[in-house]
Amino acid sequence: MTSGSLPPQTPRRIAFTVFALFYVFGMAGYLAYSYSTQTGLSGWLMNWQLRTFSEAHSSLTQAALIVVWIVGLVPIFYLLMRLNKAENFVPAQHQAELNKAAYTPHGRALTALLIAGVTAAIFGYLLFKQQHLASQRLQQLDLNTDASLPAGVELANMHGTLAAEYAYLLEEVKYGRKTGSIYYVPLLPATWQAGQPVRVVVKTRVPVYQNLALRRVYFIDSARAFSATYDGRLHANDVPTFVRQHLASQQITLADPCYVLDDEEVINGQVNEAQLVNPWLVLGIGLVVALSAFIRKQPTA
């Protein structure tokens, strides 16, 4: 057995610690992204609920993702046990010392630095993304004339034919009452023919479209195609799984990449900042948690 109460800081253990951190936070990031875009595992769970029960509960999807995350930690604990065995370190025999070491100035400082480091990384990413979006200009795109979408475009004013006959309606219900609706509708060139891939799907909560030039109002529920122009933010390959299944059932294929144009994320040609996560709030919460970890006192018996 190795001497001392702390595990030996061998290169193998340091490498494992780095891998474990990336694994745990990476898996959490993937599941969060999956839930927010309703793709991947989250999209599969929602699609299964819709197909089986004709309704999907976000709380059930959240609970399932949490269970998956917890089960996903099993390989990390297994590898840790193997590492401890290989290095002849028995944590159970040093548990009291380990608990005490966690409350020493050194242990508290390491914990606080770890929390602050993760917070800084998340803050930096969110701030960079926010500044990047703020610097973007609204790109004018006409699907009737543009053979392909320019790479790197995130904000677009896009014109085409809204194929309302292929629309997918997702109704949101809370406490037994309808709280809103989300429409996913293909936006196509006027020359689009059956069998050609769809490049853009509009995501909107507004069931009507006003054509000010023609002074006409169109209803998506009417299932009739009409010429339309939408402002929005483009998301590559973020078409929800249940929307993909709906379109596939109508023999409609999606291009690769296929973009979701979210009209809620752009207002008057600018990014809707209300849709963005506030990086300063994340930074503040993270620093408070780090400070709490640093000044915590060891509980008395």
Protein backbone atom coordinates (compact mmCIF):
# COMPACT_ATOMS: atom_id res chain seq x y z
CA MET A 1 0.00 0.00 0.00
CA THR A 2 1.33 3.45 -0.84
CA SER A 3 2.12 5.76 2.01
CA GLY A 4 0.14 8.92 2.68
CA SER A 5 -3.60 9.60 2.66
CA LEU A 6 -3.81 11.01 -0.87
CA PRO A 7 -3.58 8.88 -4.04
CA PRO A 8 -0.19 9.00 -5.77
CA GLN A 9 -0.03 11.74 -8.39
CA THR A 10 1.43 9.55 -11.09
CA PRO A 11 1.34 10.57 -14.79
CA ARG A 12 -1.25 7.84 -15.36
CA ARG A 13 -3.53 9.20 -12.64
CA ILE A 14 -3.16 12.79 -13.87
CA ALA A 15 -4.02 11.68 -17.42
CA PHE A 16 -7.03 9.76 -16.10
CA THR A 17 -8.23 12.81 -14.14
CA VAL A 18 -8.06 15.00 -17.26
CA PHE A 19 -9.87 12.35 -19.30
CA ALA A 20 -12.55 11.90 -16.62
CA LEU A 21 -13.24 15.66 -16.50
CA PHE A 22 -13.60 15.88 -20.28
CA TYR A 23 -15.75 12.76 -20.32
CA VAL A 24 -18.14 13.85 -17.56
CA PHE A 25 -18.58 17.44 -18.76
CA GLY A 26 -18.55 16.41 -22.41
CA MET A 27 -21.36 13.92 -21.86
CA ALA A 28 -23.34 16.52 -19.91
CA GLY A 29 -22.81 19.04 -22.73
CA TYR A 30 -23.97 16.57 -25.36
CA LEU A 31 -27.13 15.68 -23.41
CA ALA A 32 -27.89 19.37 -22.84
CA TYR A 33 -27.43 20.10 -26.55
CA SER A 34 -29.54 17.07 -27.44
CA TYR A 35 -32.33 18.31 -25.16
CA SER A 36 -32.25 21.91 -26.41
CA THR A 37 -32.34 20.89 -30.10
CA GLN A 38 -34.56 17.83 -29.62
CA THR A 39 -32.12 15.75 -31.65
CA GLY A 40 -29.94 12.76 -30.83
CA LEU A 41 -30.98 10.79 -27.76
CA SER A 42 -33.44 13.42 -26.57
CA GLY A 43 -35.07 13.58 -30.01
CA TRP A 44 -35.32 9.79 -30.11
CA LEU A 45 -37.00 9.74 -26.67
CA MET A 46 -39.49 12.43 -27.68
CA ASN A 47 -40.20 10.73 -30.99
CA TRP A 48 -40.80 7.41 -29.21
CA GLN A 49 -43.23 9.08 -26.80
CA LEU A 50 -45.11 10.81 -29.62
CA ARG A 51 -45.38 7.63 -31.66
CA THR A 52 -46.39 5.49 -28.66
CA PHE A 53 -48.60 7.83 -26.61
CA SER A 54 -49.34 10.65 -29.11
CA GLU A 55 -47.75 13.04 -26.63
CA ALA A 56 -44.32 13.66 -25.12
CA HIS A 57 -43.46 14.92 -21.65
CA SER A 58 -40.36 17.08 -21.29
CA SER A 59 -40.05 16.04 -17.63
CA LEU A 60 -39.87 12.38 -18.66
CA THR A 61 -37.24 13.18 -21.26
CA GLN A 62 -35.22 15.15 -18.70
CA ALA A 63 -35.41 12.31 -16.18
CA ALA A 64 -34.30 9.78 -18.80
CA LEU A 65 -31.33 11.95 -19.80
CA ILE A 66 -30.29 12.31 -16.15
CA VAL A 67 -30.45 8.52 -15.73
CA VAL A 68 -28.35 8.08 -18.88
CA TRP A 69 -25.78 10.56 -17.53
CA ILE A 70 -25.59 8.76 -14.18
CA VAL A 71 -25.29 5.33 -15.84
CA GLY A 72 -22.64 6.81 -18.13
CA LEU A 73 -20.49 7.51 -15.08
CA VAL A 74 -20.17 3.78 -14.33
CA PRO A 75 -17.22 3.27 -16.74
CA ILE A 76 -15.34 6.14 -15.05
CA PHE A 77 -15.78 4.59 -11.60
CA TYR A 78 -14.78 1.19 -12.98
CA LEU A 79 -11.60 2.62 -14.50
CA LEU A 80 -10.87 4.46 -11.25
CA MET A 81 -11.16 1.19 -9.33
CA ARG A 82 -8.77 -0.46 -11.79
CA LEU A 83 -6.33 2.42 -11.42
CA ASN A 84 -6.44 2.28 -7.63
CA LYS A 85 -5.83 -1.46 -7.74
CA ALA A 86 -2.91 -1.06 -10.16
CA GLU A 87 -1.34 1.54 -7.89
CA ASN A 88 -2.16 -0.40 -4.73
CA PHE A 89 -4.21 2.46 -3.30
CA VAL A 90 -7.24 1.66 -1.13
CA PRO A 91 -9.44 4.77 -0.71
CA ALA A 92 -11.64 3.13 1.95
CA GLN A 93 -8.69 2.82 4.32
CA HIS A 94 -7.95 6.53 3.99
CA GLN A 95 -11.50 7.91 3.75
CA ALA A 96 -11.23 9.97 6.95
CA GLU A 97 -7.92 11.43 5.81
CA LEU A 98 -9.31 12.12 2.34
CA ASN A 99 -12.32 13.91 3.78
CA LYS A 100 -10.06 15.95 6.03
CA ALA A 101 -7.72 16.75 3.12
CA ALA A 102 -10.64 18.11 1.12
CA TYR A 103 -11.15 20.81 3.77
CA THR A 104 -7.50 21.84 4.07
CA PRO A 105 -6.52 25.20 2.51
CA HIS A 106 -4.83 23.30 -0.31
CA GLY A 107 -7.84 21.06 -0.93
CA ARG A 108 -10.30 23.94 -0.83
CA ALA A 109 -8.12 25.99 -3.17
CA LEU A 110 -7.92 23.15 -5.69
CA THR A 111 -11.70 22.67 -5.62
CA ALA A 112 -12.31 26.40 -6.03
CA LEU A 113 -9.82 26.62 -8.89
CA LEU A 114 -11.46 23.68 -10.65
CA ILE A 115 -14.92 25.26 -10.38
CA ALA A 116 -13.56 28.66 -11.44
CA GLY A 117 -11.74 27.09 -14.40
CA VAL A 118 -14.85 25.31 -15.68
CA THR A 119 -16.88 28.49 -15.15
CA ALA A 120 -14.31 30.58 -17.04
CA ALA A 121 -14.33 28.14 -19.96
CA ILE A 122 -18.14 28.23 -20.21
CA PHE A 123 -18.18 32.02 -19.79
CA GLY A 124 -15.54 32.47 -22.49
CA TYR A 125 -17.44 30.28 -24.94
CA LEU A 126 -20.78 32.02 -24.30
CA LEU A 127 -19.23 35.49 -24.53
CA PHE A 128 -17.40 34.61 -27.75
CA LYS A 129 -20.59 33.18 -29.26
CA GLN A 130 -22.61 36.23 -28.23
CA GLN A 131 -20.08 38.69 -29.69
CA HIS A 132 -19.78 36.59 -32.83
CA LEU A 133 -23.54 36.64 -33.40
CA ALA A 134 -23.73 40.37 -32.66
CA SER A 135 -21.17 41.02 -35.40
CA GLN A 136 -23.09 38.99 -38.00
CA ARG A 137 -25.08 40.74 -40.70
CA LEU A 138 -28.42 39.53 -41.94
CA GLN A 139 -27.69 37.69 -45.20
CA GLN A 140 -30.26 38.09 -47.98
CA LEU A 141 -30.94 34.68 -49.52
CA ASP A 142 -33.44 33.69 -52.19
CA LEU A 143 -33.94 29.96 -52.54
CA ASN A 144 -35.36 30.55 -56.02
CA THR A 145 -32.01 31.84 -57.26
CA ASP A 146 -29.37 30.65 -54.78
CA ALA A 147 -28.17 27.22 -55.80
CA SER A 148 -26.41 26.72 -52.45
CA LEU A 149 -26.25 28.41 -49.08
CA PRO A 150 -23.00 30.27 -48.33
CA ALA A 151 -20.86 28.59 -45.68
CA GLY A 152 -20.76 30.25 -42.28
CA VAL A 153 -24.04 32.18 -42.61
CA GLU A 154 -25.95 32.23 -39.30
CA LEU A 155 -28.44 35.09 -39.68
CA ALA A 156 -30.52 35.13 -42.81
CA ASN A 157 -33.45 36.83 -44.49
CA MET A 158 -34.65 33.93 -46.61
CA HIS A 159 -37.22 33.90 -49.39
CA GLY A 160 -38.91 30.86 -50.87
CA THR A 161 -42.12 28.86 -50.93
CA LEU A 162 -43.44 27.76 -47.56
CA ALA A 163 -44.74 24.24 -48.11
CA ALA A 164 -47.54 24.36 -45.52
CA GLU A 165 -48.91 21.03 -46.74
CA TYR A 166 -45.86 19.35 -45.19
CA ALA A 167 -45.93 21.31 -41.93
CA TYR A 168 -45.43 19.60 -38.59
CA LEU A 169 -47.31 21.07 -35.62
CA LEU A 170 -45.99 20.56 -32.11
CA GLU A 171 -48.42 21.69 -29.42
CA GLU A 172 -47.01 22.62 -26.02
CA VAL A 173 -49.15 21.74 -23.00
CA LYS A 174 -48.49 22.62 -19.37
CA TYR A 175 -50.68 21.54 -16.45
CA GLY A 176 -53.25 20.27 -18.91
CA ARG A 177 -53.55 23.58 -20.77
CA LYS A 178 -52.21 24.46 -24.20
CA THR A 179 -49.48 27.09 -23.85
CA GLY A 180 -48.29 27.43 -27.43
CA SER A 181 -47.57 25.83 -30.77
CA ILE A 182 -44.43 25.38 -32.84
CA TYR A 183 -44.58 24.88 -36.59
CA TYR A 184 -41.81 23.22 -38.59
CA VAL A 185 -42.35 23.92 -42.28
CA PRO A 186 -40.09 23.27 -45.29
CA LEU A 187 -39.05 26.41 -47.18
CA LEU A 188 -38.50 25.45 -50.80
CA PRO A 189 -37.53 26.93 -54.16
CA ALA A 190 -40.48 27.63 -56.44
CA THR A 191 -39.12 24.99 -58.84
CA TRP A 192 -38.92 22.27 -56.17
CA GLN A 193 -40.10 18.85 -57.31
CA ALA A 194 -40.99 15.78 -55.26
CA GLY A 195 -37.89 13.71 -54.64
CA GLN A 196 -35.54 16.68 -54.35
CA PRO A 197 -33.96 17.20 -50.91
CA VAL A 198 -35.16 19.93 -48.57
CA ARG A 199 -32.43 22.36 -47.48
CA VAL A 200 -34.33 24.65 -45.08
CA VAL A 201 -37.03 24.07 -42.46
CA VAL A 202 -38.62 27.15 -40.88
CA LYS A 203 -39.34 27.00 -37.15
CA THR A 204 -42.01 29.49 -36.10
CA ARG A 205 -44.65 29.99 -33.43
CA VAL A 206 -46.75 32.29 -35.61
CA PRO A 207 -49.54 30.40 -37.44
CA VAL A 208 -50.20 33.23 -39.90
CA TYR A 209 -48.05 35.00 -42.48
CA GLN A 210 -48.76 38.52 -43.72
CA ASN A 211 -47.65 39.40 -47.22
CA LEU A 212 -47.63 43.19 -47.02
CA ALA A 213 -46.83 43.62 -50.73
CA LEU A 214 -49.89 41.61 -51.80
CA ARG A 215 -51.95 42.62 -48.75
CA ARG A 216 -52.80 39.01 -48.08
CA VAL A 217 -52.78 36.81 -45.01
CA TYR A 218 -51.89 33.12 -45.21
CA PHE A 219 -52.53 30.45 -42.60
CA ILE A 220 -50.08 27.61 -42.16
CA ASP A 221 -52.96 25.40 -41.01
CA SER A 222 -54.58 25.82 -44.43
CA ALA A 223 -51.99 23.35 -45.81
CA ARG A 224 -51.51 25.46 -48.92
CA ALA A 225 -48.09 26.50 -50.17
CA PHE A 226 -47.39 30.22 -50.47
CA SER A 227 -44.49 32.55 -51.16
CA ALA A 228 -42.88 33.80 -47.94
CA THR A 229 -39.83 35.54 -46.52
CA TYR A 230 -38.55 34.84 -43.01
CA ASP A 231 -35.81 36.35 -40.87
CA GLY A 232 -34.08 33.92 -38.56
CA ARG A 233 -30.99 32.20 -37.29
CA LEU A 234 -29.75 29.16 -39.17
CA HIS A 235 -28.88 25.96 -37.30
CA ALA A 236 -27.20 23.25 -39.35
CA ASN A 237 -28.55 19.70 -38.96
CA ASP A 238 -30.69 20.60 -35.93
CA VAL A 239 -33.98 19.36 -37.40
CA PRO A 240 -35.74 17.57 -34.49
CA THR A 241 -35.95 13.81 -34.80
CA PHE A 242 -39.74 13.74 -34.81
CA VAL A 243 -39.82 16.30 -37.65
CA ARG A 244 -37.39 14.17 -39.65
CA GLN A 245 -39.65 11.15 -39.10
CA HIS A 246 -42.72 13.14 -40.15
CA LEU A 247 -41.10 14.31 -43.38
CA ALA A 248 -39.68 10.85 -44.09
CA SER A 249 -43.19 9.40 -43.80
CA GLN A 250 -44.17 11.71 -46.66
CA GLN A 251 -41.21 10.56 -48.77
CA ILE A 252 -39.35 13.84 -48.24
CA THR A 253 -35.59 13.67 -47.78
CA LEU A 254 -33.46 16.28 -46.08
CA ALA A 255 -30.27 17.66 -47.55
CA ASP A 256 -26.95 17.35 -45.74
CA PRO A 257 -26.65 19.79 -44.20
CA CYS A 258 -30.27 20.77 -43.64
CA TYR A 259 -30.85 24.05 -41.81
CA VAL A 260 -33.48 25.06 -39.29
CA LEU A 261 -34.37 28.76 -39.67
CA ASP A 262 -35.62 29.88 -36.24
CA ASP A 263 -37.55 33.13 -36.67
CA GLU A 264 -37.71 33.75 -32.89
CA GLU A 265 -33.96 34.31 -32.69
CA VAL A 266 -33.92 37.37 -34.97
CA ILE A 267 -35.88 40.58 -34.38
CA ASN A 268 -35.69 43.52 -36.79
CA GLY A 269 -32.61 42.06 -38.42
CA GLN A 270 -30.71 41.65 -35.13
CA VAL A 271 -30.08 38.71 -32.83
CA ASN A 272 -32.76 38.37 -30.18
CA GLU A 273 -30.57 38.59 -27.07
CA ALA A 274 -33.42 37.29 -24.92
CA GLN A 275 -32.84 33.89 -26.58
CA LEU A 276 -29.16 33.83 -25.56
CA VAL A 277 -27.75 32.61 -22.26
CA ASN A 278 -26.34 35.53 -20.26
CA PRO A 279 -22.62 34.75 -19.87
CA TRP A 280 -22.23 37.24 -17.01
CA LEU A 281 -24.93 35.48 -15.02
CA VAL A 282 -23.12 32.17 -15.57
CA LEU A 283 -19.84 33.78 -14.48
CA GLY A 284 -21.41 35.28 -11.35
CA ILE A 285 -23.01 32.02 -10.26
CA GLY A 286 -19.83 30.05 -10.94
CA LEU A 287 -17.65 32.46 -8.95
CA VAL A 288 -20.08 32.40 -6.02
CA VAL A 289 -19.94 28.58 -6.01
CA ALA A 290 -16.13 28.67 -6.24
CA LEU A 291 -15.92 31.15 -3.35
CA SER A 292 -18.26 29.00 -1.28
CA ALA A 293 -16.03 25.98 -1.91
CA PHE A 294 -12.97 27.95 -0.86
CA ILE A 295 -14.32 29.32 2.43
CA ARG A 296 -16.26 26.22 3.48
CA LYS A 297 -15.46 24.77 6.89
CA GLN A 298 -15.19 21.14 7.80
CA PRO A 299 -18.36 19.97 9.58
CA THR A 300 -17.84 19.01 13.19
CA ALA A 301 -18.71 15.52 14.34
